[in-house]
């Protein structure tokens, strides 16, 4: 069972790299590029929207959201483009992986905005202002 999970994880990793290349291919439709860019940026981001140390929910994005996004994105990309990108992904895995620092920055900004909203909400709740 553990080996099966490792194999599936490797497959998802390869598919993520293939999507990364497909997003840069001019034959990929714009709407697919938009979805792929979001999925790949989040998958390669060094920071999660829901940190892994949060019980149960911390791994939901890794176990559910990313695979669902990858599956949907694969359906939107033309077959020949995906085949070429999968071959490039195999080479990339052997040589190292890209990291999306921009996606990491976006996640940090989202957390800062959420923290600011919580502070404003808490201030308004405790001071009685609406």
N, C-alpha and C. Protein backbone atom coordinates (compact mmCIF):
# COMPACT_ATOMS: atom_id res chain seq x y z
N UNK A 1 0.83 -1.20 0.00
CA UNK A 1 0.00 0.00 0.00
C UNK A 1 0.87 1.26 0.00
N UNK A 2 1.91 1.26 0.81
CA UNK A 2 2.81 2.41 0.88
C UNK A 2 3.50 2.65 -0.46
N UNK A 3 3.90 1.56 -1.11
CA UNK A 3 4.54 1.69 -2.41
C UNK A 3 3.56 2.25 -3.44
N UNK A 4 2.32 1.86 -3.35
CA UNK A 4 1.28 2.37 -4.26
C UNK A 4 1.12 3.88 -4.07
N UNK A 5 1.11 4.34 -2.82
CA UNK A 5 0.99 5.78 -2.55
C UNK A 5 2.20 6.54 -3.07
N UNK A 6 3.39 5.95 -2.92
CA UNK A 6 4.59 6.61 -3.44
C UNK A 6 4.54 6.72 -4.96
N UNK A 7 4.06 5.67 -5.61
CA UNK A 7 3.93 5.69 -7.07
C UNK A 7 2.94 6.76 -7.52
N UNK A 8 1.84 6.87 -6.82
CA UNK A 8 0.83 7.90 -7.17
C UNK A 8 1.39 9.30 -6.95
N UNK A 9 2.17 9.48 -5.90
CA UNK A 9 2.78 10.78 -5.63
C UNK A 9 3.76 11.15 -6.73
N UNK A 10 4.55 10.18 -7.18
CA UNK A 10 5.49 10.43 -8.29
C UNK A 10 4.74 10.79 -9.56
N UNK A 11 3.62 10.11 -9.80
CA UNK A 11 2.81 10.39 -10.99
C UNK A 11 2.25 11.81 -10.93
N UNK A 12 1.74 12.21 -9.77
CA UNK A 12 1.21 13.58 -9.62
C UNK A 12 2.31 14.61 -9.81
N UNK A 13 3.49 14.32 -9.32
CA UNK A 13 4.62 15.22 -9.49
C UNK A 13 4.95 15.39 -10.97
N UNK A 14 4.98 14.29 -11.70
CA UNK A 14 5.25 14.34 -13.14
C UNK A 14 4.16 15.12 -13.87
N UNK A 15 2.93 14.88 -13.49
CA UNK A 15 1.81 15.59 -14.14
C UNK A 15 1.89 17.09 -13.84
N UNK A 16 2.30 17.45 -12.65
CA UNK A 16 2.43 18.87 -12.30
C UNK A 16 3.49 19.53 -13.17
N UNK A 17 4.60 18.86 -13.37
CA UNK A 17 5.64 19.41 -14.25
C UNK A 17 5.15 19.51 -15.68
N UNK A 18 4.41 18.51 -16.12
CA UNK A 18 3.86 18.54 -17.49
C UNK A 18 2.92 19.73 -17.64
N UNK A 19 2.12 20.00 -16.64
CA UNK A 19 1.21 21.15 -16.68
C UNK A 19 2.00 22.47 -16.70
N UNK A 20 3.08 22.49 -15.96
CA UNK A 20 3.95 23.67 -15.94
C UNK A 20 4.41 24.00 -17.36
N UNK A 21 4.83 22.98 -18.09
CA UNK A 21 5.27 23.20 -19.47
C UNK A 21 4.10 23.51 -20.39
N UNK A 22 2.97 22.88 -20.15
CA UNK A 22 1.79 23.12 -20.99
C UNK A 22 1.29 24.56 -20.86
N UNK A 23 1.44 25.13 -19.68
CA UNK A 23 1.00 26.52 -19.47
C UNK A 23 1.83 27.49 -20.32
N UNK A 24 3.02 27.11 -20.66
CA UNK A 24 3.90 27.96 -21.46
C UNK A 24 3.80 27.66 -22.96
N UNK A 25 3.04 26.66 -23.33
CA UNK A 25 2.90 26.27 -24.73
C UNK A 25 1.82 27.12 -25.41
N UNK A 26 2.12 27.71 -26.58
CA UNK A 26 1.13 28.56 -27.25
C UNK A 26 -0.09 27.80 -27.76
N UNK A 27 -0.02 26.49 -27.87
CA UNK A 27 -1.16 25.71 -28.33
C UNK A 27 -2.19 25.43 -27.23
N UNK A 28 -1.84 25.74 -26.00
CA UNK A 28 -2.76 25.55 -24.87
C UNK A 28 -3.75 26.71 -24.83
N UNK A 29 -5.05 26.43 -24.74
CA UNK A 29 -6.05 27.51 -24.68
C UNK A 29 -5.84 28.40 -23.46
N UNK A 30 -6.25 29.65 -23.57
CA UNK A 30 -6.02 30.63 -22.50
C UNK A 30 -6.68 30.23 -21.19
N UNK A 31 -7.90 29.67 -21.26
CA UNK A 31 -8.60 29.29 -20.04
C UNK A 31 -7.89 28.12 -19.34
N UNK A 32 -7.30 27.23 -20.12
CA UNK A 32 -6.52 26.14 -19.53
C UNK A 32 -5.24 26.70 -18.89
N UNK A 33 -4.62 27.66 -19.57
CA UNK A 33 -3.40 28.28 -19.02
C UNK A 33 -3.69 28.94 -17.68
N UNK A 34 -4.84 29.59 -17.59
CA UNK A 34 -5.21 30.28 -16.35
C UNK A 34 -5.35 29.28 -15.20
N UNK A 35 -6.07 28.19 -15.44
CA UNK A 35 -6.23 27.17 -14.41
C UNK A 35 -4.89 26.50 -14.09
N UNK A 36 -4.14 26.15 -15.12
CA UNK A 36 -2.86 25.49 -14.94
C UNK A 36 -1.91 26.38 -14.15
N UNK A 37 -1.88 27.65 -14.47
CA UNK A 37 -0.99 28.57 -13.75
C UNK A 37 -1.30 28.59 -12.26
N UNK A 38 -2.57 28.62 -11.92
CA UNK A 38 -2.96 28.61 -10.51
C UNK A 38 -2.60 27.31 -9.81
N UNK A 39 -2.89 26.20 -10.45
CA UNK A 39 -2.61 24.88 -9.85
C UNK A 39 -1.11 24.67 -9.69
N UNK A 40 -0.36 24.94 -10.74
CA UNK A 40 1.09 24.71 -10.71
C UNK A 40 1.77 25.67 -9.73
N UNK A 41 1.36 26.92 -9.74
CA UNK A 41 1.98 27.88 -8.81
C UNK A 41 1.73 27.46 -7.37
N UNK A 42 0.53 27.00 -7.09
CA UNK A 42 0.23 26.57 -5.73
C UNK A 42 0.98 25.28 -5.38
N UNK A 43 1.04 24.36 -6.33
CA UNK A 43 1.74 23.09 -6.07
C UNK A 43 3.23 23.31 -5.83
N UNK A 44 3.84 24.25 -6.56
CA UNK A 44 5.27 24.50 -6.42
C UNK A 44 5.59 25.53 -5.34
N UNK A 45 4.58 26.15 -4.78
CA UNK A 45 4.79 27.17 -3.77
C UNK A 45 5.40 26.54 -2.51
N UNK A 46 6.38 27.21 -1.94
CA UNK A 46 6.97 26.68 -0.71
C UNK A 46 6.07 26.90 0.51
N UNK A 47 4.98 27.65 0.33
CA UNK A 47 4.07 27.96 1.43
C UNK A 47 2.67 27.50 1.04
N UNK A 48 1.97 26.80 1.94
CA UNK A 48 0.61 26.34 1.69
C UNK A 48 -0.39 27.38 2.18
N UNK A 49 -1.55 27.40 1.53
CA UNK A 49 -2.64 28.27 1.97
C UNK A 49 -3.10 27.83 3.35
N UNK A 50 -3.21 26.53 3.54
CA UNK A 50 -3.52 25.96 4.85
C UNK A 50 -2.25 25.23 5.31
N UNK A 51 -1.56 25.76 6.32
CA UNK A 51 -0.30 25.13 6.75
C UNK A 51 -0.51 23.67 7.16
N UNK A 52 0.49 22.84 6.89
CA UNK A 52 0.40 21.42 7.15
C UNK A 52 0.26 21.08 8.64
N UNK A 53 0.69 21.98 9.51
CA UNK A 53 0.60 21.67 10.94
C UNK A 53 -0.82 21.82 11.48
N UNK A 54 -1.75 22.38 10.70
CA UNK A 54 -3.15 22.48 11.12
C UNK A 54 -3.76 21.08 11.03
N UNK A 55 -4.27 20.55 12.15
CA UNK A 55 -4.78 19.18 12.14
C UNK A 55 -5.85 18.97 11.06
N UNK A 56 -5.77 17.88 10.37
CA UNK A 56 -6.67 17.41 9.32
C UNK A 56 -6.69 18.36 8.11
N UNK A 57 -7.05 19.59 8.30
CA UNK A 57 -7.19 20.53 7.19
C UNK A 57 -5.86 20.88 6.53
N UNK A 58 -4.78 20.74 7.24
CA UNK A 58 -3.47 21.09 6.71
C UNK A 58 -3.06 20.27 5.50
N UNK A 59 -3.54 19.06 5.43
CA UNK A 59 -3.18 18.20 4.30
C UNK A 59 -4.29 18.09 3.26
N UNK A 60 -5.44 18.71 3.51
CA UNK A 60 -6.53 18.64 2.54
C UNK A 60 -6.15 19.24 1.19
N UNK A 61 -5.43 20.36 1.22
CA UNK A 61 -5.04 20.97 -0.05
C UNK A 61 -4.10 20.06 -0.83
N UNK A 62 -3.18 19.42 -0.12
CA UNK A 62 -2.23 18.53 -0.80
C UNK A 62 -2.89 17.25 -1.29
N UNK A 63 -3.85 16.74 -0.55
CA UNK A 63 -4.45 15.45 -0.87
C UNK A 63 -5.69 15.55 -1.76
N UNK A 64 -6.37 16.69 -1.73
CA UNK A 64 -7.62 16.80 -2.49
C UNK A 64 -7.57 17.91 -3.53
N UNK A 65 -7.26 19.12 -3.11
CA UNK A 65 -7.35 20.27 -4.03
C UNK A 65 -6.37 20.19 -5.19
N UNK A 66 -5.12 19.88 -4.90
CA UNK A 66 -4.12 19.83 -5.98
C UNK A 66 -4.43 18.70 -6.97
N UNK A 67 -4.72 17.47 -6.51
CA UNK A 67 -5.07 16.43 -7.50
C UNK A 67 -6.32 16.77 -8.33
N UNK A 68 -7.33 17.38 -7.70
CA UNK A 68 -8.52 17.78 -8.46
C UNK A 68 -8.18 18.84 -9.50
N UNK A 69 -7.37 19.81 -9.11
CA UNK A 69 -6.95 20.85 -10.05
C UNK A 69 -6.15 20.27 -11.21
N UNK A 70 -5.27 19.34 -10.90
CA UNK A 70 -4.46 18.70 -11.94
C UNK A 70 -5.36 17.93 -12.90
N UNK A 71 -6.30 17.17 -12.36
CA UNK A 71 -7.21 16.39 -13.20
C UNK A 71 -8.02 17.28 -14.14
N UNK A 72 -8.56 18.36 -13.61
CA UNK A 72 -9.34 19.28 -14.44
C UNK A 72 -8.46 19.93 -15.50
N UNK A 73 -7.28 20.36 -15.12
CA UNK A 73 -6.37 21.02 -16.06
C UNK A 73 -5.97 20.08 -17.19
N UNK A 74 -5.71 18.81 -16.88
CA UNK A 74 -5.32 17.84 -17.89
C UNK A 74 -6.42 17.68 -18.94
N UNK A 75 -7.67 17.74 -18.50
CA UNK A 75 -8.79 17.60 -19.43
C UNK A 75 -8.91 18.79 -20.38
N UNK A 76 -8.37 19.94 -19.98
CA UNK A 76 -8.48 21.15 -20.79
C UNK A 76 -7.34 21.33 -21.79
N UNK A 77 -6.29 20.52 -21.67
CA UNK A 77 -5.11 20.67 -22.53
C UNK A 77 -5.20 19.69 -23.70
N UNK A 78 -4.92 20.16 -24.92
CA UNK A 78 -4.95 19.26 -26.08
C UNK A 78 -3.97 18.08 -25.90
N UNK A 79 -4.38 16.90 -26.37
CA UNK A 79 -3.61 15.67 -26.20
C UNK A 79 -2.17 15.74 -26.67
N UNK A 80 -1.91 16.22 -27.92
CA UNK A 80 -0.51 16.27 -28.39
C UNK A 80 0.38 17.18 -27.53
N UNK A 81 -0.19 18.27 -27.06
CA UNK A 81 0.58 19.20 -26.21
C UNK A 81 0.93 18.50 -24.91
N UNK A 82 -0.03 17.82 -24.33
CA UNK A 82 0.20 17.14 -23.05
C UNK A 82 1.23 16.03 -23.19
N UNK A 83 1.20 15.30 -24.31
CA UNK A 83 2.18 14.24 -24.54
C UNK A 83 3.60 14.79 -24.59
N UNK A 84 3.80 15.89 -25.33
CA UNK A 84 5.12 16.51 -25.40
C UNK A 84 5.56 17.04 -24.04
N UNK A 85 4.64 17.64 -23.33
CA UNK A 85 4.98 18.22 -22.03
C UNK A 85 5.30 17.14 -21.00
N UNK A 86 4.65 15.99 -21.10
CA UNK A 86 4.97 14.89 -20.19
C UNK A 86 6.39 14.39 -20.42
N UNK A 87 6.81 14.35 -21.68
CA UNK A 87 8.19 13.93 -21.98
C UNK A 87 9.19 14.93 -21.39
N UNK A 88 8.90 16.22 -21.54
CA UNK A 88 9.78 17.24 -20.95
C UNK A 88 9.78 17.15 -19.43
N UNK A 89 8.64 16.81 -18.85
CA UNK A 89 8.54 16.70 -17.39
C UNK A 89 9.44 15.59 -16.87
N UNK A 90 9.51 14.47 -17.60
CA UNK A 90 10.38 13.38 -17.19
C UNK A 90 11.83 13.84 -17.12
N UNK A 91 12.25 14.64 -18.08
CA UNK A 91 13.62 15.16 -18.09
C UNK A 91 13.84 16.12 -16.93
N UNK A 92 12.85 16.95 -16.66
CA UNK A 92 12.97 17.94 -15.59
C UNK A 92 13.11 17.27 -14.23
N UNK A 93 12.36 16.21 -14.01
CA UNK A 93 12.43 15.51 -12.73
C UNK A 93 13.84 14.98 -12.48
N UNK A 94 14.48 14.55 -13.53
CA UNK A 94 15.84 14.04 -13.39
C UNK A 94 16.84 15.15 -13.07
N UNK A 95 16.54 16.40 -13.51
CA UNK A 95 17.48 17.51 -13.36
C UNK A 95 17.16 18.48 -12.24
N UNK A 96 16.03 18.36 -11.57
CA UNK A 96 15.64 19.29 -10.51
C UNK A 96 14.28 19.87 -10.82
N UNK A 97 13.73 20.63 -9.87
CA UNK A 97 12.38 21.14 -10.05
C UNK A 97 12.32 22.66 -9.93
N UNK A 98 11.34 23.28 -10.62
CA UNK A 98 11.14 24.72 -10.47
C UNK A 98 10.38 25.02 -9.17
N UNK A 99 10.62 26.20 -8.62
CA UNK A 99 9.92 26.64 -7.42
C UNK A 99 9.28 27.98 -7.73
N UNK A 100 8.02 28.13 -7.37
CA UNK A 100 7.31 29.37 -7.63
C UNK A 100 7.38 30.27 -6.41
N UNK A 101 8.31 31.21 -6.44
CA UNK A 101 8.42 32.17 -5.34
C UNK A 101 7.29 33.18 -5.41
N UNK A 102 6.81 33.48 -6.62
CA UNK A 102 5.68 34.41 -6.76
C UNK A 102 4.44 33.83 -6.08
N UNK A 103 4.19 32.54 -6.26
CA UNK A 103 3.05 31.92 -5.60
C UNK A 103 3.22 31.96 -4.08
N UNK A 104 4.42 31.74 -3.62
CA UNK A 104 4.69 31.84 -2.19
C UNK A 104 4.39 33.23 -1.66
N UNK A 105 4.78 34.25 -2.42
CA UNK A 105 4.51 35.63 -2.03
C UNK A 105 3.01 35.90 -1.98
N UNK A 106 2.28 35.37 -2.96
CA UNK A 106 0.82 35.57 -2.98
C UNK A 106 0.18 34.92 -1.76
N UNK A 107 0.63 33.73 -1.40
CA UNK A 107 0.08 33.05 -0.23
C UNK A 107 0.37 33.86 1.03
N UNK A 108 1.57 34.43 1.15
CA UNK A 108 1.90 35.26 2.30
C UNK A 108 0.98 36.47 2.36
N UNK A 109 0.74 37.10 1.21
CA UNK A 109 -0.15 38.27 1.17
C UNK A 109 -1.57 37.88 1.60
N UNK A 110 -2.05 36.72 1.13
CA UNK A 110 -3.38 36.26 1.52
C UNK A 110 -3.45 36.08 3.04
N UNK A 111 -2.43 35.48 3.63
CA UNK A 111 -2.42 35.30 5.09
C UNK A 111 -2.37 36.64 5.82
N UNK A 112 -1.61 37.58 5.32
CA UNK A 112 -1.54 38.91 5.95
C UNK A 112 -2.90 39.59 5.88
N UNK A 113 -3.56 39.51 4.71
CA UNK A 113 -4.89 40.11 4.58
C UNK A 113 -5.90 39.44 5.51
N UNK A 114 -5.85 38.11 5.61
CA UNK A 114 -6.75 37.41 6.52
C UNK A 114 -6.49 37.81 7.97
N UNK A 115 -5.23 37.95 8.34
CA UNK A 115 -4.90 38.37 9.70
C UNK A 115 -5.41 39.78 9.96
N UNK A 116 -5.25 40.68 8.98
CA UNK A 116 -5.74 42.05 9.13
C UNK A 116 -7.26 42.07 9.28
N UNK A 117 -7.95 41.26 8.49
CA UNK A 117 -9.41 41.19 8.60
C UNK A 117 -9.84 40.67 9.97
N UNK A 118 -9.12 39.68 10.48
CA UNK A 118 -9.43 39.15 11.82
C UNK A 118 -9.20 40.19 12.90
N UNK A 119 -8.15 40.96 12.75
CA UNK A 119 -7.86 42.02 13.73
C UNK A 119 -8.95 43.08 13.70
N UNK A 120 -9.34 43.49 12.50
CA UNK A 120 -10.42 44.50 12.38
C UNK A 120 -11.72 43.95 12.94
N UNK A 121 -12.04 42.70 12.61
CA UNK A 121 -13.25 42.08 13.12
C UNK A 121 -13.22 42.01 14.65
N UNK A 122 -12.09 41.56 15.19
CA UNK A 122 -11.95 41.47 16.64
C UNK A 122 -12.06 42.83 17.31
N UNK A 123 -11.44 43.82 16.74
CA UNK A 123 -11.51 45.18 17.28
C UNK A 123 -12.95 45.67 17.31
N UNK A 124 -13.65 45.49 16.17
CA UNK A 124 -15.04 45.93 16.08
C UNK A 124 -15.94 45.13 17.03
N UNK A 125 -15.68 43.86 17.20
CA UNK A 125 -16.50 43.02 18.08
C UNK A 125 -16.32 43.40 19.54
N UNK A 126 -15.10 43.74 19.94
CA UNK A 126 -14.86 44.04 21.35
C UNK A 126 -15.12 45.50 21.71
N UNK A 127 -15.10 46.39 20.74
CA UNK A 127 -15.37 47.79 21.05
C UNK A 127 -16.82 48.15 20.78
N UNK A 128 -17.58 47.22 20.20
CA UNK A 128 -18.99 47.47 19.95
C UNK A 128 -19.27 48.28 18.70
N UNK A 129 -18.27 48.53 17.88
CA UNK A 129 -18.48 49.29 16.65
C UNK A 129 -18.94 48.34 15.56
N UNK A 130 -19.65 48.91 14.59
CA UNK A 130 -20.15 48.10 13.49
C UNK A 130 -19.53 48.50 12.22
